[in-house]
N, C-alpha and C. Protein backbone atom coordinates (compact mmCIF):
# COMPACT_ATOMS: atom_id res chain seq x y z
N UNK A 1 115.52 117.19 100.91
CA UNK A 1 114.33 117.52 100.14
C UNK A 1 113.57 116.23 99.81
N UNK A 2 112.26 116.22 99.99
CA UNK A 2 111.49 115.02 99.73
C UNK A 2 111.52 114.61 98.25
N UNK A 3 111.45 113.31 98.02
CA UNK A 3 111.35 112.77 96.67
C UNK A 3 109.91 112.40 96.41
N UNK A 4 109.47 112.58 95.17
CA UNK A 4 108.09 112.28 94.81
C UNK A 4 108.06 111.11 93.83
N UNK A 5 107.14 110.18 94.10
CA UNK A 5 106.98 108.99 93.26
C UNK A 5 105.51 108.83 92.90
N UNK A 6 105.25 108.31 91.69
CA UNK A 6 103.91 107.90 91.30
C UNK A 6 104.01 106.45 90.85
N UNK A 7 103.15 105.62 91.38
CA UNK A 7 103.05 104.22 90.97
C UNK A 7 101.71 104.08 90.27
N UNK A 8 101.71 103.63 89.02
CA UNK A 8 100.48 103.61 88.24
C UNK A 8 100.22 102.22 87.67
N UNK A 9 98.92 101.92 87.47
CA UNK A 9 98.56 100.64 86.88
C UNK A 9 97.18 100.73 86.26
N UNK A 10 96.93 99.88 85.28
CA UNK A 10 95.64 99.76 84.65
C UNK A 10 95.18 98.32 84.71
N UNK A 11 93.88 98.12 84.64
CA UNK A 11 93.31 96.76 84.67
C UNK A 11 92.10 96.73 83.76
N UNK A 12 91.85 95.56 83.20
CA UNK A 12 90.70 95.39 82.32
C UNK A 12 90.16 93.98 82.49
N UNK A 13 88.83 93.85 82.49
CA UNK A 13 88.18 92.55 82.55
C UNK A 13 87.67 92.26 81.16
N UNK A 14 88.46 91.52 80.40
CA UNK A 14 88.25 91.41 78.97
C UNK A 14 89.03 92.56 78.35
N UNK A 15 89.42 92.44 77.10
CA UNK A 15 90.22 93.48 76.48
C UNK A 15 89.79 93.63 75.02
N UNK A 16 88.74 94.38 74.72
CA UNK A 16 88.12 95.39 75.55
C UNK A 16 87.10 94.82 76.54
N UNK A 17 86.76 95.68 77.49
CA UNK A 17 85.78 95.35 78.52
C UNK A 17 85.80 96.42 79.58
N UNK A 18 85.15 96.17 80.72
CA UNK A 18 85.22 97.13 81.82
C UNK A 18 86.67 97.26 82.29
N UNK A 19 87.07 98.49 82.60
CA UNK A 19 88.45 98.70 83.01
C UNK A 19 88.58 99.74 84.09
N UNK A 20 89.75 99.74 84.73
CA UNK A 20 90.03 100.71 85.77
C UNK A 20 91.49 101.09 85.77
N UNK A 21 91.76 102.23 86.37
CA UNK A 21 93.14 102.70 86.52
C UNK A 21 93.36 103.09 87.99
N UNK A 22 94.60 102.97 88.42
CA UNK A 22 94.95 103.34 89.78
C UNK A 22 96.30 104.03 89.82
N UNK A 23 96.44 104.95 90.75
CA UNK A 23 97.71 105.65 90.92
C UNK A 23 97.93 105.94 92.40
N UNK A 24 99.15 105.82 92.81
CA UNK A 24 99.53 106.08 94.19
C UNK A 24 100.67 107.09 94.14
N UNK A 25 100.44 108.27 94.72
CA UNK A 25 101.48 109.31 94.80
C UNK A 25 102.09 109.26 96.19
N UNK A 26 103.41 109.22 96.25
CA UNK A 26 104.09 109.12 97.53
C UNK A 26 105.22 110.15 97.60
N UNK A 27 105.24 110.93 98.69
CA UNK A 27 106.37 111.82 98.98
C UNK A 27 107.19 111.13 100.05
N UNK A 28 108.50 110.99 99.78
CA UNK A 28 109.40 110.30 100.72
C UNK A 28 110.60 111.17 101.05
N UNK A 29 111.06 111.02 102.28
CA UNK A 29 112.33 111.58 102.69
C UNK A 29 113.16 110.38 103.11
N UNK A 30 114.00 109.91 102.19
CA UNK A 30 114.73 108.67 102.44
C UNK A 30 113.74 107.52 102.49
N UNK A 31 113.76 106.75 103.58
CA UNK A 31 112.83 105.64 103.75
C UNK A 31 111.54 106.06 104.43
N UNK A 32 111.44 107.30 104.84
CA UNK A 32 110.26 107.79 105.55
C UNK A 32 109.21 108.31 104.57
N UNK A 33 108.00 107.75 104.65
CA UNK A 33 106.90 108.23 103.82
C UNK A 33 106.29 109.45 104.50
N UNK A 34 106.29 110.58 103.79
CA UNK A 34 105.76 111.82 104.34
C UNK A 34 104.27 111.98 104.03
N UNK A 35 103.89 111.57 102.83
CA UNK A 35 102.50 111.75 102.42
C UNK A 35 102.18 110.75 101.31
N UNK A 36 100.94 110.25 101.33
CA UNK A 36 100.47 109.34 100.29
C UNK A 36 99.11 109.80 99.81
N UNK A 37 98.89 109.72 98.51
CA UNK A 37 97.58 110.04 97.93
C UNK A 37 97.24 108.97 96.92
N UNK A 38 96.02 108.44 97.02
CA UNK A 38 95.59 107.39 96.11
C UNK A 38 94.47 107.90 95.21
N UNK A 39 94.53 107.51 93.93
CA UNK A 39 93.55 107.93 92.93
C UNK A 39 93.12 106.71 92.13
N UNK A 40 91.86 106.72 91.66
CA UNK A 40 91.45 105.68 90.73
C UNK A 40 90.19 106.09 89.99
N UNK A 41 89.89 105.35 88.96
CA UNK A 41 88.70 105.57 88.16
C UNK A 41 88.55 104.44 87.17
N UNK A 42 87.53 104.52 86.33
CA UNK A 42 87.33 103.44 85.37
C UNK A 42 86.36 103.82 84.29
N UNK A 43 86.16 102.90 83.37
CA UNK A 43 85.26 103.09 82.24
C UNK A 43 84.57 101.77 81.94
N UNK A 44 83.35 101.83 81.37
CA UNK A 44 82.59 100.61 81.12
C UNK A 44 83.13 99.77 79.96
N UNK A 45 83.71 100.39 78.94
CA UNK A 45 84.20 99.66 77.76
C UNK A 45 85.51 100.28 77.32
N UNK A 46 86.60 99.58 77.59
CA UNK A 46 87.92 100.16 77.36
C UNK A 46 88.93 99.05 77.13
N UNK A 47 90.21 99.43 77.07
CA UNK A 47 91.29 98.45 76.94
C UNK A 47 92.30 98.65 78.06
N UNK A 48 93.12 97.65 78.27
CA UNK A 48 94.15 97.73 79.29
C UNK A 48 95.11 98.88 79.00
N UNK A 49 95.51 99.02 77.72
CA UNK A 49 96.45 100.10 77.38
C UNK A 49 95.86 101.47 77.69
N UNK A 50 94.58 101.68 77.41
CA UNK A 50 93.95 102.96 77.73
C UNK A 50 93.98 103.21 79.23
N UNK A 51 93.74 102.19 80.02
CA UNK A 51 93.74 102.35 81.48
C UNK A 51 95.14 102.64 82.00
N UNK A 52 96.15 102.01 81.43
CA UNK A 52 97.54 102.30 81.81
C UNK A 52 97.87 103.77 81.52
N UNK A 53 97.45 104.26 80.36
CA UNK A 53 97.68 105.66 80.01
C UNK A 53 96.94 106.60 80.96
N UNK A 54 95.67 106.29 81.24
CA UNK A 54 94.89 107.17 82.13
C UNK A 54 95.48 107.21 83.54
N UNK A 55 96.06 106.11 83.99
CA UNK A 55 96.69 106.10 85.32
C UNK A 55 97.84 107.11 85.36
N UNK A 56 98.69 107.10 84.34
CA UNK A 56 99.82 108.03 84.28
C UNK A 56 99.34 109.47 84.13
N UNK A 57 98.37 109.70 83.24
CA UNK A 57 97.83 111.05 83.02
C UNK A 57 97.26 111.61 84.32
N UNK A 58 96.41 110.83 84.98
CA UNK A 58 95.77 111.32 86.21
C UNK A 58 96.77 111.54 87.34
N UNK A 59 97.80 110.70 87.43
CA UNK A 59 98.82 110.91 88.46
C UNK A 59 99.52 112.25 88.24
N UNK A 60 99.91 112.54 87.00
CA UNK A 60 100.63 113.78 86.71
C UNK A 60 99.72 115.00 86.84
N UNK A 61 98.46 114.86 86.41
CA UNK A 61 97.54 116.00 86.50
C UNK A 61 97.14 116.30 87.95
N UNK A 62 97.30 115.33 88.85
CA UNK A 62 96.96 115.54 90.26
C UNK A 62 97.99 116.41 90.97
N UNK A 63 99.17 116.56 90.38
CA UNK A 63 100.21 117.37 91.00
C UNK A 63 99.85 118.84 90.84
N UNK A 64 99.75 119.56 91.95
CA UNK A 64 99.29 120.94 91.93
C UNK A 64 100.32 121.93 91.39
N UNK A 65 101.59 121.56 91.47
CA UNK A 65 102.62 122.47 90.97
C UNK A 65 103.67 121.66 90.21
N UNK A 66 104.45 122.33 89.36
CA UNK A 66 105.50 121.61 88.64
C UNK A 66 106.39 120.85 89.63
N UNK A 67 106.66 119.59 89.29
CA UNK A 67 107.37 118.71 90.23
C UNK A 67 108.43 117.89 89.53
N UNK A 68 109.39 117.44 90.32
CA UNK A 68 110.34 116.43 89.89
C UNK A 68 109.82 115.13 90.47
N UNK A 69 109.56 114.15 89.60
CA UNK A 69 108.89 112.93 90.03
C UNK A 69 109.44 111.72 89.30
N UNK A 70 109.42 110.59 89.97
CA UNK A 70 109.71 109.31 89.34
C UNK A 70 108.38 108.60 89.15
N UNK A 71 108.01 108.33 87.90
CA UNK A 71 106.77 107.63 87.62
C UNK A 71 107.11 106.18 87.32
N UNK A 72 106.56 105.28 88.14
CA UNK A 72 106.85 103.85 88.06
C UNK A 72 105.63 103.15 87.47
N UNK A 73 105.84 102.44 86.37
CA UNK A 73 104.77 101.72 85.70
C UNK A 73 105.21 100.31 85.36
N UNK A 74 104.24 99.40 85.26
CA UNK A 74 104.56 98.05 84.80
C UNK A 74 104.20 97.91 83.32
N UNK A 75 103.94 99.04 82.65
CA UNK A 75 103.55 99.04 81.25
C UNK A 75 104.68 99.54 80.35
N UNK A 76 105.29 98.62 79.60
CA UNK A 76 106.28 99.04 78.61
C UNK A 76 105.63 99.92 77.55
N UNK A 77 104.36 99.69 77.28
CA UNK A 77 103.61 100.49 76.30
C UNK A 77 103.65 101.96 76.70
N UNK A 78 103.37 102.26 77.96
CA UNK A 78 103.39 103.64 78.43
C UNK A 78 104.82 104.17 78.47
N UNK A 79 105.72 103.44 79.09
CA UNK A 79 107.10 103.93 79.25
C UNK A 79 107.78 104.14 77.89
N UNK A 80 107.71 103.13 77.02
CA UNK A 80 108.37 103.28 75.71
C UNK A 80 107.65 104.28 74.83
N UNK A 81 106.32 104.33 74.94
CA UNK A 81 105.56 105.28 74.14
C UNK A 81 105.94 106.72 74.43
N UNK A 82 106.06 107.07 75.71
CA UNK A 82 106.32 108.46 76.10
C UNK A 82 107.81 108.82 76.03
N UNK A 83 108.69 107.82 76.15
CA UNK A 83 110.13 108.14 76.14
C UNK A 83 110.80 107.88 74.80
N UNK A 84 110.14 107.13 73.90
CA UNK A 84 110.77 106.79 72.61
C UNK A 84 109.86 107.08 71.42
N UNK A 85 108.72 106.42 71.36
CA UNK A 85 107.89 106.41 70.15
C UNK A 85 107.22 107.74 69.86
N UNK A 86 106.86 108.50 70.89
CA UNK A 86 106.05 109.71 70.70
C UNK A 86 106.73 110.75 69.80
N UNK A 87 108.04 110.79 69.83
CA UNK A 87 108.77 111.77 69.03
C UNK A 87 108.55 111.52 67.54
N UNK A 88 108.61 110.26 67.13
CA UNK A 88 108.34 109.89 65.73
C UNK A 88 106.88 110.10 65.37
N UNK A 89 105.99 109.76 66.29
CA UNK A 89 104.55 109.95 66.02
C UNK A 89 104.25 111.42 65.74
N UNK A 90 104.79 112.29 66.58
CA UNK A 90 104.53 113.73 66.40
C UNK A 90 105.13 114.22 65.08
N UNK A 91 106.33 113.77 64.78
CA UNK A 91 107.01 114.16 63.55
C UNK A 91 106.24 113.68 62.32
N UNK A 92 105.62 112.49 62.44
CA UNK A 92 104.90 111.88 61.32
C UNK A 92 103.41 112.18 61.32
N UNK A 93 102.99 113.23 62.04
CA UNK A 93 101.57 113.59 62.06
C UNK A 93 100.70 112.55 62.74
N UNK A 94 101.21 111.97 63.84
CA UNK A 94 100.49 110.97 64.63
C UNK A 94 100.20 109.70 63.82
N UNK A 95 101.22 109.31 63.04
CA UNK A 95 101.18 108.04 62.32
C UNK A 95 102.34 107.20 62.83
N UNK A 96 102.14 105.88 62.81
CA UNK A 96 103.20 104.96 63.22
C UNK A 96 104.22 104.85 62.09
N UNK A 97 105.29 104.11 62.36
CA UNK A 97 106.30 103.88 61.33
C UNK A 97 105.67 103.17 60.13
N UNK A 98 104.60 102.40 60.37
CA UNK A 98 103.89 101.70 59.29
C UNK A 98 102.83 102.60 58.63
N UNK A 99 102.86 103.90 58.94
CA UNK A 99 101.94 104.90 58.36
C UNK A 99 100.48 104.69 58.78
N UNK A 100 100.27 104.00 59.90
CA UNK A 100 98.92 103.80 60.42
C UNK A 100 98.66 104.79 61.55
N UNK A 101 97.39 105.16 61.79
CA UNK A 101 97.11 106.08 62.89
C UNK A 101 97.56 105.50 64.24
N UNK A 102 98.10 106.34 65.08
CA UNK A 102 98.52 105.92 66.42
C UNK A 102 97.27 105.58 67.24
N UNK A 103 97.26 104.39 67.81
CA UNK A 103 96.13 104.01 68.68
C UNK A 103 96.18 104.86 69.95
N UNK A 104 95.01 105.25 70.43
CA UNK A 104 94.89 106.05 71.66
C UNK A 104 95.54 107.43 71.53
N UNK A 105 95.51 107.96 70.32
CA UNK A 105 96.16 109.25 70.04
C UNK A 105 95.76 110.33 71.03
N UNK A 106 94.45 110.45 71.35
CA UNK A 106 94.02 111.52 72.25
C UNK A 106 94.62 111.35 73.65
N UNK A 107 94.81 110.10 74.08
CA UNK A 107 95.41 109.88 75.40
C UNK A 107 96.92 110.14 75.36
N UNK A 108 97.57 109.80 74.26
CA UNK A 108 99.00 110.11 74.13
C UNK A 108 99.21 111.63 74.15
N UNK A 109 98.32 112.36 73.47
CA UNK A 109 98.42 113.82 73.48
C UNK A 109 98.19 114.37 74.89
N UNK A 110 97.24 113.78 75.61
CA UNK A 110 96.97 114.21 77.00
C UNK A 110 98.16 113.91 77.90
N UNK A 111 98.78 112.74 77.71
CA UNK A 111 99.95 112.39 78.52
C UNK A 111 101.11 113.32 78.18
N UNK A 112 101.30 113.58 76.90
CA UNK A 112 102.36 114.50 76.48
C UNK A 112 102.16 115.86 77.13
N UNK A 113 100.93 116.36 77.11
CA UNK A 113 100.64 117.66 77.74
C UNK A 113 100.88 117.61 79.24
N UNK A 114 100.50 116.51 79.89
CA UNK A 114 100.66 116.39 81.34
C UNK A 114 102.13 116.33 81.74
N UNK A 115 103.00 115.89 80.84
CA UNK A 115 104.43 115.80 81.17
C UNK A 115 105.14 117.14 81.07
N UNK A 116 104.55 118.09 80.37
CA UNK A 116 105.26 119.34 80.05
C UNK A 116 105.65 120.16 81.27
N UNK A 117 104.85 120.13 82.34
CA UNK A 117 105.18 120.97 83.50
C UNK A 117 106.08 120.28 84.53
N UNK A 118 106.41 119.01 84.28
CA UNK A 118 107.16 118.25 85.28
C UNK A 118 108.49 117.74 84.73
N UNK A 119 109.39 117.45 85.65
CA UNK A 119 110.63 116.75 85.31
C UNK A 119 110.42 115.31 85.75
N UNK A 120 110.32 114.39 84.78
CA UNK A 120 109.90 113.03 85.08
C UNK A 120 110.99 112.03 84.74
N UNK A 121 111.24 111.13 85.67
CA UNK A 121 112.05 109.94 85.41
C UNK A 121 111.07 108.80 85.27
N UNK A 122 111.07 108.13 84.13
CA UNK A 122 110.16 107.02 83.87
C UNK A 122 110.87 105.72 84.24
N UNK A 123 110.20 104.90 85.03
CA UNK A 123 110.81 103.64 85.47
C UNK A 123 109.82 102.50 85.25
N UNK A 124 110.30 101.44 84.61
CA UNK A 124 109.48 100.25 84.41
C UNK A 124 109.85 99.21 85.46
N UNK A 125 108.81 98.55 86.01
CA UNK A 125 109.04 97.41 86.89
C UNK A 125 108.13 96.28 86.44
N UNK A 126 108.51 95.08 86.74
CA UNK A 126 107.69 93.92 86.40
C UNK A 126 106.44 93.92 87.27
N UNK A 127 105.29 93.76 86.62
CA UNK A 127 104.02 93.73 87.34
C UNK A 127 103.80 92.40 88.04
N UNK A 128 103.00 92.42 89.07
CA UNK A 128 102.61 91.21 89.83
C UNK A 128 103.84 90.43 90.30
N UNK A 129 104.84 91.20 90.75
CA UNK A 129 106.09 90.59 91.19
C UNK A 129 106.35 90.89 92.66
N UNK A 130 105.31 91.27 93.40
CA UNK A 130 105.46 91.49 94.84
C UNK A 130 105.96 92.88 95.22
N UNK A 131 106.02 93.82 94.29
CA UNK A 131 106.43 95.19 94.60
C UNK A 131 105.23 95.88 95.25
N UNK A 132 105.34 96.23 96.52
CA UNK A 132 104.19 96.69 97.32
C UNK A 132 103.41 97.84 96.69
N UNK A 133 104.13 98.86 96.21
CA UNK A 133 103.43 100.02 95.65
C UNK A 133 102.75 99.68 94.33
N UNK A 134 103.37 98.84 93.52
CA UNK A 134 102.75 98.42 92.26
C UNK A 134 101.52 97.55 92.55
N UNK A 135 101.61 96.70 93.55
CA UNK A 135 100.46 95.87 93.93
C UNK A 135 99.31 96.75 94.40
N UNK A 136 99.62 97.81 95.14
CA UNK A 136 98.56 98.72 95.60
C UNK A 136 97.94 99.47 94.43
N UNK A 137 98.76 99.91 93.47
CA UNK A 137 98.23 100.58 92.28
C UNK A 137 97.31 99.62 91.52
N UNK A 138 97.66 98.34 91.48
CA UNK A 138 96.82 97.34 90.83
C UNK A 138 95.49 97.19 91.58
N UNK A 139 95.54 97.16 92.91
CA UNK A 139 94.31 97.09 93.71
C UNK A 139 93.42 98.30 93.43
N UNK A 140 94.02 99.48 93.36
CA UNK A 140 93.25 100.70 93.09
C UNK A 140 92.62 100.63 91.69
N UNK A 141 93.36 100.10 90.71
CA UNK A 141 92.82 99.96 89.36
C UNK A 141 91.63 99.00 89.36
N UNK A 142 91.75 97.90 90.09
CA UNK A 142 90.64 96.94 90.16
C UNK A 142 89.42 97.55 90.86
N UNK A 143 89.68 98.36 91.89
CA UNK A 143 88.57 99.07 92.55
C UNK A 143 87.90 100.05 91.58
N UNK A 144 88.70 100.72 90.76
CA UNK A 144 88.16 101.65 89.78
C UNK A 144 87.31 100.96 88.72
N UNK A 145 87.64 99.72 88.42
CA UNK A 145 86.91 98.93 87.43
C UNK A 145 85.60 98.37 87.99
N UNK A 146 85.56 98.12 89.27
CA UNK A 146 84.45 97.39 89.91
C UNK A 146 83.06 97.92 89.56
N UNK A 147 82.81 99.25 89.60
CA UNK A 147 81.46 99.73 89.30
C UNK A 147 81.00 99.44 87.87
N UNK A 148 81.94 99.13 86.98
CA UNK A 148 81.61 98.93 85.58
C UNK A 148 81.48 97.47 85.19
N UNK A 149 81.80 96.57 86.13
CA UNK A 149 81.68 95.15 85.83
C UNK A 149 80.22 94.74 85.90
N UNK A 150 79.80 93.80 85.04
CA UNK A 150 78.41 93.35 85.10
C UNK A 150 78.11 92.69 86.44
N UNK A 151 76.88 92.88 86.90
CA UNK A 151 76.47 92.27 88.18
C UNK A 151 76.49 90.76 88.04
N UNK A 152 76.95 90.10 89.09
CA UNK A 152 76.97 88.63 89.08
C UNK A 152 75.56 88.13 89.37
N UNK A 153 75.17 87.10 88.65
CA UNK A 153 73.85 86.52 88.87
C UNK A 153 73.90 85.70 90.14
N UNK A 154 72.88 85.81 91.00
CA UNK A 154 72.89 85.01 92.22
C UNK A 154 72.80 83.53 91.89
N UNK A 155 73.47 82.74 92.72
CA UNK A 155 73.44 81.28 92.52
C UNK A 155 72.01 80.78 92.76
N UNK A 156 71.60 79.84 91.93
CA UNK A 156 70.25 79.28 92.10
C UNK A 156 70.23 78.37 93.31
N UNK A 157 69.21 78.51 94.12
CA UNK A 157 69.08 77.62 95.27
C UNK A 157 68.33 76.38 94.85
N UNK A 158 68.65 75.28 95.51
CA UNK A 158 68.03 73.99 95.14
C UNK A 158 66.79 73.73 95.94
């Protein structure tokens, strides 16, 4: 039976600033890649954490039917948030342990909802460490950010 993987990443030029997210969905049978799907998008004024969350949300929402999937991220914020912190946030009315509002609450709620139909193994990997699929997710995130970056001024000719 094929295994399903999602590799996700977010990028931001300035934090906040223009940002993008990227996701790569891969179905594998052992070492054989059966199918690949790439997704990306961006926003004009955002943060890196928001883009990391949107990458995971969009990867899971792209799955047409309930699936067993390994979601690979280089964001401890996303992995720890969804596997550890979210339970306390929900119990505390979306407040942190310090009684402050949870940042990006609407995206955490969207990610929580997106996880409900799937069986997910969350895996963290070090970013920018030569992992091919993570590097591709980063490229997709940067492509998603590109339309929102300010235009470069042409160099003055002498």
